[in-house]
């Protein structure tokens, strides 16, 4: 499960701040206790000294173990006296303990030589928050997808009942998000404007991000603009690597972007590279197969229609209905 370097950097900064806050609070507690219980400072100094003596004892040879055992007993007795003193003076037993947010790694982000689960949890929260700030994920959820806006009667021109079709698509998207992994199929959302393609794309993005996967969501125009700036203007923000390597890429409104030689080449590169690496993509568009082929090329459309699961949206423009 991958997030951008920026996300992990932000997570590390938050952990560093948490660690500093916990140690600052512990220092304040220690000063408070020392003022109220003067002998506590001497006791703490004694406990620290037994620890240093234990380290020095390592080089004592065969007599080291007996000495270490004696130091251990002495240290345990001092620890017990410390707890008793705290309670006797109205403090909690653990009042002097540094209360890290993650006791496993002490807010360092690493445990046992490996990245701690807490930094992945934090990265997931940051990624979701970032996605929420850019897109209305709180509004575009599966629960808020309103099927009642789709006619139940069969359309005589298509022979399809929009309500039934969209009910199937909604169920499919829920299952896709719930079962998502790095081997999930790529999806192609096709339909006229205002039929719910963006809503369901965002609903999938939200659920998949919550599961800890790295998701990039954006309009084709915005994502291609970032790639172009990186390619020709030196904006080295890692956009291309992120677009190619994220766990799930959602390319919204393909075909609405300004078509250039670069954009056509970039779309092919995205589709081809991610197909070869087996990384899923969700593409949405209101262009027909013929229109897509005119804008791009057969080598692009053949990869989409040959390797993606196509979901055809139908009904009336929801935005017009809700006006």
C-alpha atoms as a PDB file:
ATOM      1  CA  UNK A   1       0.000   0.000   0.000  1.00  0.00           C
ATOM      2  CA  UNK A   2       1.664   3.180  -1.090  1.00  0.00           C
ATOM      3  CA  UNK A   3       1.340   6.865  -0.345  1.00  0.00           C
ATOM      4  CA  UNK A   4       3.377   9.723  -1.688  1.00  0.00           C
ATOM      5  CA  UNK A   5       6.676  10.751  -0.088  1.00  0.00           C
ATOM      6  CA  UNK A   6       4.980  13.996   0.926  1.00  0.00           C
ATOM      7  CA  UNK A   7       2.309  12.107   2.882  1.00  0.00           C
ATOM      8  CA  UNK A   8       4.915  10.048   4.762  1.00  0.00           C
ATOM      9  CA  UNK A   9       6.964  13.183   5.451  1.00  0.00           C
ATOM     10  CA  UNK A  10       3.924  14.894   6.944  1.00  0.00           C
ATOM     11  CA  UNK A  11       3.186  11.774   9.011  1.00  0.00           C
ATOM     12  CA  UNK A  12       6.771  11.744  10.320  1.00  0.00           C
ATOM     13  CA  UNK A  13       6.505  15.429  11.254  1.00  0.00           C
ATOM     14  CA  UNK A  14       3.295  14.787  13.189  1.00  0.00           C
ATOM     15  CA  UNK A  15       4.915  11.880  15.039  1.00  0.00           C
ATOM     16  CA  UNK A  16       7.924  14.050  15.866  1.00  0.00           C
ATOM     17  CA  UNK A  17       5.600  16.702  17.275  1.00  0.00           C
ATOM     18  CA  UNK A  18       3.662  14.104  19.274  1.00  0.00           C
ATOM     19  CA  UNK A  19       6.901  12.773  20.730  1.00  0.00           C
ATOM     20  CA  UNK A  20       8.109  16.264  21.652  1.00  0.00           C
ATOM     21  CA  UNK A  21       4.742  17.118  23.263  1.00  0.00           C
ATOM     22  CA  UNK A  22       4.736  13.886  25.291  1.00  0.00           C
ATOM     23  CA  UNK A  23       8.273  14.475  26.564  1.00  0.00           C
ATOM     24  CA  UNK A  24       7.520  18.124  27.364  1.00  0.00           C
ATOM     25  CA  UNK A  25       4.468  17.090  29.384  1.00  0.00           C
ATOM     26  CA  UNK A  26       6.516  14.427  31.198  1.00  0.00           C
ATOM     27  CA  UNK A  27       9.145  17.047  32.081  1.00  0.00           C
ATOM     28  CA  UNK A  28       6.451  19.301  33.565  1.00  0.00           C
ATOM     29  CA  UNK A  29       5.082  16.381  35.579  1.00  0.00           C
ATOM     30  CA  UNK A  30       8.572  15.556  36.835  1.00  0.00           C
ATOM     31  CA  UNK A  31       9.175  19.135  38.000  1.00  0.00           C
ATOM     32  CA  UNK A  32       5.800  19.113  39.753  1.00  0.00           C
ATOM     33  CA  UNK A  33       6.539  15.848  41.565  1.00  0.00           C
ATOM     34  CA  UNK A  34      10.084  16.859  42.557  1.00  0.00           C
ATOM     35  CA  UNK A  35       8.689  20.028  44.105  1.00  0.00           C
ATOM     36  CA  UNK A  36       6.072  18.103  46.058  1.00  0.00           C
ATOM     37  CA  UNK A  37       8.216  15.041  46.928  1.00  0.00           C
ATOM     38  CA  UNK A  38      11.899  16.079  47.235  1.00  0.00           C
ATOM     39  CA  UNK A  39      13.190  12.524  47.814  1.00  0.00           C
ATOM     40  CA  UNK A  40      11.759  11.490  44.420  1.00  0.00           C
ATOM     41  CA  UNK A  41      14.585  13.249  42.581  1.00  0.00           C
ATOM     42  CA  UNK A  42      17.185  11.310  44.578  1.00  0.00           C
ATOM     43  CA  UNK A  43      15.293   8.079  43.939  1.00  0.00           C
ATOM     44  CA  UNK A  44      15.199   8.727  40.197  1.00  0.00           C
ATOM     45  CA  UNK A  45      18.939   9.466  40.213  1.00  0.00           C
ATOM     46  CA  UNK A  46      19.516   6.153  42.012  1.00  0.00           C
ATOM     47  CA  UNK A  47      17.411   4.246  39.430  1.00  0.00           C
ATOM     48  CA  UNK A  48      19.362   5.879  36.602  1.00  0.00           C
ATOM     49  CA  UNK A  49      22.646   4.955  38.268  1.00  0.00           C
ATOM     50  CA  UNK A  50      21.684   1.276  38.547  1.00  0.00           C
ATOM     51  CA  UNK A  51      21.044   1.324  34.821  1.00  0.00           C
ATOM     52  CA  UNK A  52      24.522   2.729  34.136  1.00  0.00           C
ATOM     53  CA  UNK A  53      26.081   0.214  36.503  1.00  0.00           C
ATOM     54  CA  UNK A  54      24.335  -2.602  34.609  1.00  0.00           C
ATOM     55  CA  UNK A  55      25.888  -1.443  31.347  1.00  0.00           C
ATOM     56  CA  UNK A  56      29.355  -1.300  32.918  1.00  0.00           C
ATOM     57  CA  UNK A  57      28.909  -4.766  34.415  1.00  0.00           C
ATOM     58  CA  UNK A  58      28.868  -6.372  30.963  1.00  0.00           C
ATOM     59  CA  UNK A  59      32.680  -6.449  30.911  1.00  0.00           C
ATOM     60  CA  UNK A  60      33.075  -8.048  34.359  1.00  0.00           C
ATOM     61  CA  UNK A  61      33.323 -11.608  33.044  1.00  0.00           C
ATOM     62  CA  UNK A  62      32.029 -14.527  35.109  1.00  0.00           C
ATOM     63  CA  UNK A  63      31.066 -12.324  38.062  1.00  0.00           C
ATOM     64  CA  UNK A  64      28.834 -10.130  35.896  1.00  0.00           C
ATOM     65  CA  UNK A  65      25.650 -12.210  36.203  1.00  0.00           C
ATOM     66  CA  UNK A  66      25.556 -12.164  40.014  1.00  0.00           C
ATOM     67  CA  UNK A  67      26.164  -8.416  39.994  1.00  0.00           C
ATOM     68  CA  UNK A  68      23.503  -7.866  37.348  1.00  0.00           C
ATOM     69  CA  UNK A  69      20.992  -9.913  39.339  1.00  0.00           C
ATOM     70  CA  UNK A  70      21.680  -7.788  42.410  1.00  0.00           C
ATOM     71  CA  UNK A  71      21.311  -4.588  40.396  1.00  0.00           C
ATOM     72  CA  UNK A  72      18.044  -5.862  38.943  1.00  0.00           C
ATOM     73  CA  UNK A  73      16.602  -6.538  42.398  1.00  0.00           C
ATOM     74  CA  UNK A  74      17.781  -3.132  43.584  1.00  0.00           C
ATOM     75  CA  UNK A  75      16.213  -1.454  40.578  1.00  0.00           C
ATOM     76  CA  UNK A  76      12.884  -3.251  41.004  1.00  0.00           C
ATOM     77  CA  UNK A  77      12.759  -2.263  44.669  1.00  0.00           C
ATOM     78  CA  UNK A  78      13.441   1.359  43.749  1.00  0.00           C
ATOM     79  CA  UNK A  79      10.736   1.283  41.068  1.00  0.00           C
ATOM     80  CA  UNK A  80       8.212  -0.061  43.565  1.00  0.00           C
ATOM     81  CA  UNK A  81       9.170   2.598  46.126  1.00  0.00           C
ATOM     82  CA  UNK A  82       8.784   5.227  43.384  1.00  0.00           C
ATOM     83  CA  UNK A  83       5.244   4.083  42.584  1.00  0.00           C
ATOM     84  CA  UNK A  84       4.319   4.009  46.260  1.00  0.00           C
ATOM     85  CA  UNK A  85       5.630   7.529  46.805  1.00  0.00           C
ATOM     86  CA  UNK A  86       3.588   8.827  43.881  1.00  0.00           C
ATOM     87  CA  UNK A  87       0.356   7.269  45.149  1.00  0.00           C
ATOM     88  CA  UNK A  88       1.005   8.368  48.737  1.00  0.00           C
ATOM     89  CA  UNK A  89       1.345  11.954  47.537  1.00  0.00           C
ATOM     90  CA  UNK A  90      -1.791  11.962  45.420  1.00  0.00           C
ATOM     91  CA  UNK A  91      -0.308  11.186  42.002  1.00  0.00           C
ATOM     92  CA  UNK A  92      -1.130   8.329  39.649  1.00  0.00           C
ATOM     93  CA  UNK A  93       1.353   5.444  39.527  1.00  0.00           C
ATOM     94  CA  UNK A  94       2.309   6.268  35.946  1.00  0.00           C
ATOM     95  CA  UNK A  95       2.333  10.058  36.378  1.00  0.00           C
ATOM     96  CA  UNK A  96       6.056  10.275  35.559  1.00  0.00           C
ATOM     97  CA  UNK A  97       5.897   7.925  32.599  1.00  0.00           C
ATOM     98  CA  UNK A  98       6.191   9.545  29.158  1.00  0.00           C
ATOM     99  CA  UNK A  99       2.754   9.020  27.602  1.00  0.00           C
ATOM    100  CA  UNK A 100       3.524   8.513  23.918  1.00  0.00           C
ATOM    101  CA  UNK A 101       0.583   8.292  21.495  1.00  0.00           C
ATOM    102  CA  UNK A 102       2.027   5.007  20.231  1.00  0.00           C
ATOM    103  CA  UNK A 103       3.581   3.019  23.091  1.00  0.00           C
ATOM    104  CA  UNK A 104       4.888   0.472  20.585  1.00  0.00           C
ATOM    105  CA  UNK A 105       7.386   2.798  18.879  1.00  0.00           C
ATOM    106  CA  UNK A 106       7.374   5.738  21.330  1.00  0.00           C
ATOM    107  CA  UNK A 107       6.232   7.969  18.455  1.00  0.00           C
ATOM    108  CA  UNK A 108       9.404   7.356  16.437  1.00  0.00           C
ATOM    109  CA  UNK A 109       7.583   5.611  13.583  1.00  0.00           C
ATOM    110  CA  UNK A 110       9.788   2.510  13.794  1.00  0.00           C
ATOM    111  CA  UNK A 111       9.626  -0.631  15.884  1.00  0.00           C
ATOM    112  CA  UNK A 112      12.012  -3.556  15.782  1.00  0.00           C
ATOM    113  CA  UNK A 113      13.798  -2.139  12.769  1.00  0.00           C
ATOM    114  CA  UNK A 114      10.594  -1.863  10.740  1.00  0.00           C
ATOM    115  CA  UNK A 115       8.102   0.902  10.054  1.00  0.00           C
ATOM    116  CA  UNK A 116       5.510   0.964  12.820  1.00  0.00           C
ATOM    117  CA  UNK A 117       1.852   0.449  11.988  1.00  0.00           C
ATOM    118  CA  UNK A 118       1.077   3.839  13.549  1.00  0.00           C
ATOM    119  CA  UNK A 119       2.799   5.755  10.733  1.00  0.00           C
ATOM    120  CA  UNK A 120       0.784   3.822   8.133  1.00  0.00           C
ATOM    121  CA  UNK A 121      -2.416   4.606  10.044  1.00  0.00           C
ATOM    122  CA  UNK A 122      -1.459   8.273  10.167  1.00  0.00           C
ATOM    123  CA  UNK A 123      -0.547   8.292   6.469  1.00  0.00           C
ATOM    124  CA  UNK A 124      -3.948   6.803   5.653  1.00  0.00           C
ATOM    125  CA  UNK A 125      -5.704   9.506   7.673  1.00  0.00           C
ATOM    126  CA  UNK A 126      -3.659  12.248   5.990  1.00  0.00           C
ATOM    127  CA  UNK A 127      -4.325  10.861   2.518  1.00  0.00           C
ATOM    128  CA  UNK A 128      -8.040  10.682   3.212  1.00  0.00           C
ATOM    129  CA  UNK A 129      -8.082  14.214   4.648  1.00  0.00           C
ATOM    130  CA  UNK A 130      -6.219  15.503   1.604  1.00  0.00           C
ATOM    131  CA  UNK A 131      -8.690  13.818  -0.710  1.00  0.00           C
ATOM    132  CA  UNK A 132     -11.595  15.198   1.324  1.00  0.00           C
ATOM    133  CA  UNK A 133     -10.224  18.739   1.069  1.00  0.00           C
ATOM    134  CA  UNK A 134      -9.965  18.522  -2.717  1.00  0.00           C
ATOM    135  CA  UNK A 135     -13.223  16.695  -3.416  1.00  0.00           C
ATOM    136  CA  UNK A 136     -16.606  16.408  -1.657  1.00  0.00           C
ATOM    137  CA  UNK A 137     -16.083  12.875  -0.335  1.00  0.00           C
ATOM    138  CA  UNK A 138     -18.487  13.477   2.531  1.00  0.00           C
ATOM    139  CA  UNK A 139     -21.244  14.109  -0.008  1.00  0.00           C
ATOM    140  CA  UNK A 140     -20.195  11.516  -2.572  1.00  0.00           C
ATOM    141  CA  UNK A 141     -20.647   8.291  -0.624  1.00  0.00           C
ATOM    142  CA  UNK A 142     -22.469   5.112  -1.558  1.00  0.00           C
ATOM    143  CA  UNK A 143     -25.135   5.833   1.040  1.00  0.00           C
ATOM    144  CA  UNK A 144     -25.868   9.205  -0.532  1.00  0.00           C
ATOM    145  CA  UNK A 145     -26.247   7.858  -4.064  1.00  0.00           C
ATOM    146  CA  UNK A 146     -29.943   8.467  -4.736  1.00  0.00           C
ATOM    147  CA  UNK A 147     -31.410   5.746  -6.952  1.00  0.00           C
ATOM    148  CA  UNK A 148     -34.845   7.364  -6.790  1.00  0.00           C
ATOM    149  CA  UNK A 149     -33.617   9.963  -9.305  1.00  0.00           C
ATOM    150  CA  UNK A 150     -33.482   7.302 -12.023  1.00  0.00           C
ATOM    151  CA  UNK A 151     -36.657   6.318 -13.926  1.00  0.00           C
ATOM    152  CA  UNK A 152     -37.970   2.803 -13.310  1.00  0.00           C
ATOM    153  CA  UNK A 153     -39.687   2.588 -16.678  1.00  0.00           C
ATOM    154  CA  UNK A 154     -37.873   1.008 -19.598  1.00  0.00           C
ATOM    155  CA  UNK A 155     -36.482   3.521 -22.069  1.00  0.00           C
ATOM    156  CA  UNK A 156     -38.031   2.532 -25.454  1.00  0.00           C
ATOM    157  CA  UNK A 157     -34.907   3.694 -27.328  1.00  0.00           C
ATOM    158  CA  UNK A 158     -32.403   1.692 -25.302  1.00  0.00           C
ATOM    159  CA  UNK A 159     -34.622  -1.071 -23.925  1.00  0.00           C
ATOM    160  CA  UNK A 160     -33.109  -0.438 -20.493  1.00  0.00           C
ATOM    161  CA  UNK A 161     -34.745   0.672 -17.233  1.00  0.00           C
ATOM    162  CA  UNK A 162     -32.344   3.305 -15.782  1.00  0.00           C
ATOM    163  CA  UNK A 163     -33.252   2.488 -12.173  1.00  0.00           C
ATOM    164  CA  UNK A 164     -32.474  -1.207 -12.585  1.00  0.00           C
ATOM    165  CA  UNK A 165     -29.238  -0.512 -14.473  1.00  0.00           C
ATOM    166  CA  UNK A 166     -27.978   1.993 -11.916  1.00  0.00           C
ATOM    167  CA  UNK A 167     -28.941  -0.298  -9.059  1.00  0.00           C
ATOM    168  CA  UNK A 168     -26.687  -2.949 -10.614  1.00  0.00           C
ATOM    169  CA  UNK A 169     -23.859  -0.432 -11.108  1.00  0.00           C
ATOM    170  CA  UNK A 170     -24.146   0.818  -7.522  1.00  0.00           C
ATOM    171  CA  UNK A 171     -23.957  -2.756  -6.189  1.00  0.00           C
ATOM    172  CA  UNK A 172     -20.982  -3.483  -8.424  1.00  0.00           C
ATOM    173  CA  UNK A 173     -19.113  -0.365  -7.225  1.00  0.00           C
ATOM    174  CA  UNK A 174     -19.786  -1.162  -3.559  1.00  0.00           C
ATOM    175  CA  UNK A 175     -18.437  -4.665  -4.047  1.00  0.00           C
ATOM    176  CA  UNK A 176     -15.450  -3.343  -6.006  1.00  0.00           C
ATOM    177  CA  UNK A 177     -14.506  -0.946  -3.189  1.00  0.00           C
ATOM    178  CA  UNK A 178     -15.035  -3.552  -0.455  1.00  0.00           C
ATOM    179  CA  UNK A 179     -12.928  -6.175  -2.228  1.00  0.00           C
ATOM    180  CA  UNK A 180     -10.333  -3.829  -3.706  1.00  0.00           C
ATOM    181  CA  UNK A 181      -6.742  -4.983  -3.865  1.00  0.00           C
ATOM    182  CA  UNK A 182      -3.778  -4.380  -6.134  1.00  0.00           C
ATOM    183  CA  UNK A 183      -5.093  -6.982  -8.575  1.00  0.00           C
ATOM    184  CA  UNK A 184      -8.562  -5.464  -8.971  1.00  0.00           C
ATOM    185  CA  UNK A 185      -9.687  -4.877 -12.565  1.00  0.00           C
ATOM    186  CA  UNK A 186      -9.673  -1.480 -14.231  1.00  0.00           C
ATOM    187  CA  UNK A 187     -13.077   0.146 -14.802  1.00  0.00           C
ATOM    188  CA  UNK A 188     -14.469   2.299 -17.592  1.00  0.00           C
ATOM    189  CA  UNK A 189     -17.445   4.494 -16.670  1.00  0.00           C
ATOM    190  CA  UNK A 190     -19.317   5.667 -19.748  1.00  0.00           C
ATOM    191  CA  UNK A 191     -22.440   7.822 -19.927  1.00  0.00           C
ATOM    192  CA  UNK A 192     -23.822  11.280 -20.550  1.00  0.00           C
ATOM    193  CA  UNK A 193     -23.099  14.194 -18.238  1.00  0.00           C
ATOM    194  CA  UNK A 194     -24.792  14.173 -14.823  1.00  0.00           C
ATOM    195  CA  UNK A 195     -25.517  10.461 -14.456  1.00  0.00           C
ATOM    196  CA  UNK A 196     -23.425   9.796 -11.329  1.00  0.00           C
ATOM    197  CA  UNK A 197     -20.038   8.771 -12.746  1.00  0.00           C
ATOM    198  CA  UNK A 198     -18.107  11.253 -10.615  1.00  0.00           C
ATOM    199  CA  UNK A 199     -20.178  10.477  -7.519  1.00  0.00           C
ATOM    200  CA  UNK A 200     -19.445   6.745  -7.679  1.00  0.00           C
ATOM    201  CA  UNK A 201     -15.794   7.350  -8.575  1.00  0.00           C
ATOM    202  CA  UNK A 202     -15.404   9.468  -5.444  1.00  0.00           C
ATOM    203  CA  UNK A 203     -17.305   6.933  -3.343  1.00  0.00           C
ATOM    204  CA  UNK A 204     -14.856   4.241  -4.436  1.00  0.00           C
ATOM    205  CA  UNK A 205     -11.908   6.582  -3.805  1.00  0.00           C
ATOM    206  CA  UNK A 206     -13.088   7.292  -0.267  1.00  0.00           C
ATOM    207  CA  UNK A 207     -13.604   3.645   0.675  1.00  0.00           C
ATOM    208  CA  UNK A 208     -10.367   2.438  -0.914  1.00  0.00           C
ATOM    209  CA  UNK A 209      -8.370   5.202   0.780  1.00  0.00           C
ATOM    210  CA  UNK A 210      -9.871   4.256   4.157  1.00  0.00           C
ATOM    211  CA  UNK A 211      -8.525   0.740   3.614  1.00  0.00           C
ATOM    212  CA  UNK A 212      -4.996   2.138   3.410  1.00  0.00           C
ATOM    213  CA  UNK A 213      -4.401   2.124  -0.331  1.00  0.00           C
ATOM    214  CA  UNK A 214      -2.799   5.055  -2.112  1.00  0.00           C
ATOM    215  CA  UNK A 215      -5.361   6.701  -4.390  1.00  0.00           C
ATOM    216  CA  UNK A 216      -4.907   9.540  -6.859  1.00  0.00           C
ATOM    217  CA  UNK A 217      -8.128  11.122  -8.078  1.00  0.00           C
ATOM    218  CA  UNK A 218      -8.361  13.993 -10.527  1.00  0.00           C
ATOM    219  CA  UNK A 219      -9.798  15.263 -13.749  1.00  0.00           C
ATOM    220  CA  UNK A 220      -7.873  14.284 -16.862  1.00  0.00           C
ATOM    221  CA  UNK A 221      -7.164  17.970 -17.459  1.00  0.00           C
ATOM    222  CA  UNK A 222      -5.622  18.577 -14.032  1.00  0.00           C
ATOM    223  CA  UNK A 223      -3.530  15.416 -13.939  1.00  0.00           C
ATOM    224  CA  UNK A 224      -2.234  15.886 -17.482  1.00  0.00           C
ATOM    225  CA  UNK A 225      -1.421  19.537 -16.700  1.00  0.00           C
ATOM    226  CA  UNK A 226       0.700  18.407 -13.755  1.00  0.00           C
ATOM    227  CA  UNK A 227       2.536  15.896 -15.913  1.00  0.00           C
ATOM    228  CA  UNK A 228       3.140  18.534 -18.573  1.00  0.00           C
ATOM    229  CA  UNK A 229       4.483  21.072 -16.077  1.00  0.00           C
ATOM    230  CA  UNK A 230       6.823  18.436 -14.702  1.00  0.00           C
ATOM    231  CA  UNK A 231       7.987  17.458 -18.178  1.00  0.00           C
ATOM    232  CA  UNK A 232       8.531  20.903 -19.690  1.00  0.00           C
ATOM    233  CA  UNK A 233       8.769  23.393 -16.820  1.00  0.00           C
ATOM    234  CA  UNK A 234      10.789  21.431 -14.315  1.00  0.00           C
ATOM    235  CA  UNK A 235       8.081  21.229 -11.648  1.00  0.00           C
ATOM    236  CA  UNK A 236       9.614  18.227  -9.925  1.00  0.00           C
ATOM    237  CA  UNK A 237       6.738  17.330  -7.585  1.00  0.00           C
ATOM    238  CA  UNK A 238       6.771  13.630  -8.477  1.00  0.00           C
ATOM    239  CA  UNK A 239       3.398  13.847 -10.205  1.00  0.00           C
ATOM    240  CA  UNK A 240       4.229  11.433 -13.015  1.00  0.00           C
ATOM    241  CA  UNK A 241       5.728   8.797 -10.716  1.00  0.00           C
ATOM    242  CA  UNK A 242       2.728   9.105  -8.391  1.00  0.00           C
ATOM    243  CA  UNK A 243       0.225   8.810 -11.247  1.00  0.00           C
ATOM    244  CA  UNK A 244       2.005   5.770 -12.643  1.00  0.00           C
ATOM    245  CA  UNK A 245       2.687   4.071  -9.322  1.00  0.00           C
ATOM    246  CA  UNK A 246      -0.283   4.743  -7.009  1.00  0.00           C
ATOM    247  CA  UNK A 247      -2.439   1.794  -5.991  1.00  0.00           C
ATOM    248  CA  UNK A 248      -5.531   3.176  -7.727  1.00  0.00           C
ATOM    249  CA  UNK A 249      -5.690   5.970 -10.306  1.00  0.00           C
ATOM    250  CA  UNK A 250      -9.053   7.587 -11.019  1.00  0.00           C
ATOM    251  CA  UNK A 251      -9.022   9.624 -14.216  1.00  0.00           C
ATOM    252  CA  UNK A 252     -12.231  11.633 -14.331  1.00  0.00           C
ATOM    253  CA  UNK A 253     -13.826  13.213 -17.397  1.00  0.00           C
ATOM    254  CA  UNK A 254     -11.414  11.864 -19.985  1.00  0.00           C
ATOM    255  CA  UNK A 255     -11.831  13.717 -23.249  1.00  0.00           C
ATOM    256  CA  UNK A 256     -12.774  17.055 -21.693  1.00  0.00           C
ATOM    257  CA  UNK A 257      -9.138  18.140 -21.581  1.00  0.00           C
ATOM    258  CA  UNK A 258      -7.504  20.292 -24.247  1.00  0.00           C
ATOM    259  CA  UNK A 259      -6.111  17.819 -26.778  1.00  0.00           C
ATOM    260  CA  UNK A 260      -2.436  18.216 -27.658  1.00  0.00           C
ATOM    261  CA  UNK A 261       0.276  15.910 -28.891  1.00  0.00           C
ATOM    262  CA  UNK A 262       1.554  15.721 -25.317  1.00  0.00           C
ATOM    263  CA  UNK A 263      -1.856  14.912 -23.777  1.00  0.00           C
ATOM    264  CA  UNK A 264      -2.503  12.088 -26.253  1.00  0.00           C
ATOM    265  CA  UNK A 265       0.950  10.654 -25.614  1.00  0.00           C
ATOM    266  CA  UNK A 266       0.526  11.008 -21.846  1.00  0.00           C
ATOM    267  CA  UNK A 267      -2.867   9.257 -21.821  1.00  0.00           C
ATOM    268  CA  UNK A 268      -1.395   6.360 -23.767  1.00  0.00           C
ATOM    269  CA  UNK A 269       1.585   6.217 -21.429  1.00  0.00           C
ATOM    270  CA  UNK A 270      -0.649   6.169 -18.350  1.00  0.00           C
ATOM    271  CA  UNK A 271      -2.932   3.446 -19.674  1.00  0.00           C
ATOM    272  CA  UNK A 272      -0.152   1.319 -21.117  1.00  0.00           C
ATOM    273  CA  UNK A 273       2.236   1.611 -18.161  1.00  0.00           C
ATOM    274  CA  UNK A 274      -0.372   0.826 -15.543  1.00  0.00           C
ATOM    275  CA  UNK A 275      -1.781  -2.025 -17.623  1.00  0.00           C
ATOM    276  CA  UNK A 276       1.663  -3.583 -17.912  1.00  0.00           C
ATOM    277  CA  UNK A 277       2.289  -3.252 -14.173  1.00  0.00           C
ATOM    278  CA  UNK A 278      -1.191  -4.576 -13.355  1.00  0.00           C
ATOM    279  CA  UNK A 279      -2.220  -1.429 -11.473  1.00  0.00           C
ATOM    280  CA  UNK A 280      -5.948  -0.628 -11.691  1.00  0.00           C
ATOM    281  CA  UNK A 281      -7.387   2.535 -13.225  1.00  0.00           C
ATOM    282  CA  UNK A 282     -10.908   3.934 -13.221  1.00  0.00           C
ATOM    283  CA  UNK A 283     -11.680   6.125 -16.231  1.00  0.00           C
ATOM    284  CA  UNK A 284     -14.902   8.084 -16.657  1.00  0.00           C
ATOM    285  CA  UNK A 285     -16.040   9.885 -19.800  1.00  0.00           C
ATOM    286  CA  UNK A 286     -19.144  11.043 -21.616  1.00  0.00           C
ATOM    287  CA  UNK A 287     -17.574  10.353 -25.010  1.00  0.00           C
ATOM    288  CA  UNK A 288     -18.594   7.411 -27.145  1.00  0.00           C
ATOM    289  CA  UNK A 289     -16.131   4.838 -28.415  1.00  0.00           C
ATOM    290  CA  UNK A 290     -16.011   6.578 -31.811  1.00  0.00           C
ATOM    291  CA  UNK A 291     -15.429   9.979 -30.239  1.00  0.00           C
ATOM    292  CA  UNK A 292     -12.624   8.647 -28.048  1.00  0.00           C
ATOM    293  CA  UNK A 293     -10.999   7.031 -31.049  1.00  0.00           C
ATOM    294  CA  UNK A 294     -11.154  10.321 -32.965  1.00  0.00           C
ATOM    295  CA  UNK A 295      -9.582  12.247 -30.096  1.00  0.00           C
ATOM    296  CA  UNK A 296      -6.877   9.735 -29.309  1.00  0.00           C
ATOM    297  CA  UNK A 297      -6.128   6.644 -31.363  1.00  0.00           C
ATOM    298  CA  UNK A 298      -7.128   3.037 -31.793  1.00  0.00           C
ATOM    299  CA  UNK A 299      -4.158   1.860 -29.740  1.00  0.00           C
ATOM    300  CA  UNK A 300      -5.563   3.769 -26.745  1.00  0.00           C
ATOM    301  CA  UNK A 301      -9.217   2.794 -27.136  1.00  0.00           C
ATOM    302  CA  UNK A 302      -8.315  -0.833 -27.845  1.00  0.00           C
ATOM    303  CA  UNK A 303      -6.476  -1.033 -24.521  1.00  0.00           C
ATOM    304  CA  UNK A 304      -9.441   0.478 -22.694  1.00  0.00           C
ATOM    305  CA  UNK A 305     -12.160  -1.644 -24.260  1.00  0.00           C
ATOM    306  CA  UNK A 306      -9.966  -4.731 -24.309  1.00  0.00           C
ATOM    307  CA  UNK A 307      -8.748  -4.570 -20.746  1.00  0.00           C
ATOM    308  CA  UNK A 308     -11.317  -2.624 -18.709  1.00  0.00           C
ATOM    309  CA  UNK A 309     -14.698  -3.588 -17.276  1.00  0.00           C
ATOM    310  CA  UNK A 310     -17.185  -1.191 -18.896  1.00  0.00           C
ATOM    311  CA  UNK A 311     -20.110   0.204 -16.906  1.00  0.00           C
ATOM    312  CA  UNK A 312     -22.644   2.125 -19.012  1.00  0.00           C
ATOM    313  CA  UNK A 313     -24.546   4.739 -17.008  1.00  0.00           C
ATOM    314  CA  UNK A 314     -28.033   5.782 -18.095  1.00  0.00           C
ATOM    315  CA  UNK A 315     -30.900   8.040 -17.050  1.00  0.00           C
ATOM    316  CA  UNK A 316     -31.444  11.790 -17.084  1.00  0.00           C
ATOM    317  CA  UNK A 317     -29.036  14.514 -16.003  1.00  0.00           C
ATOM    318  CA  UNK A 318     -29.360  14.452 -12.182  1.00  0.00           C
ATOM    319  CA  UNK A 319     -28.103  18.009 -11.869  1.00  0.00           C
ATOM    320  CA  UNK A 320     -30.975  19.247 -13.989  1.00  0.00           C
ATOM    321  CA  UNK A 321     -33.473  17.234 -11.934  1.00  0.00           C
ATOM    322  CA  UNK A 322     -32.154  18.680  -8.675  1.00  0.00           C
ATOM    323  CA  UNK A 323     -32.324  22.299  -9.835  1.00  0.00           C
END
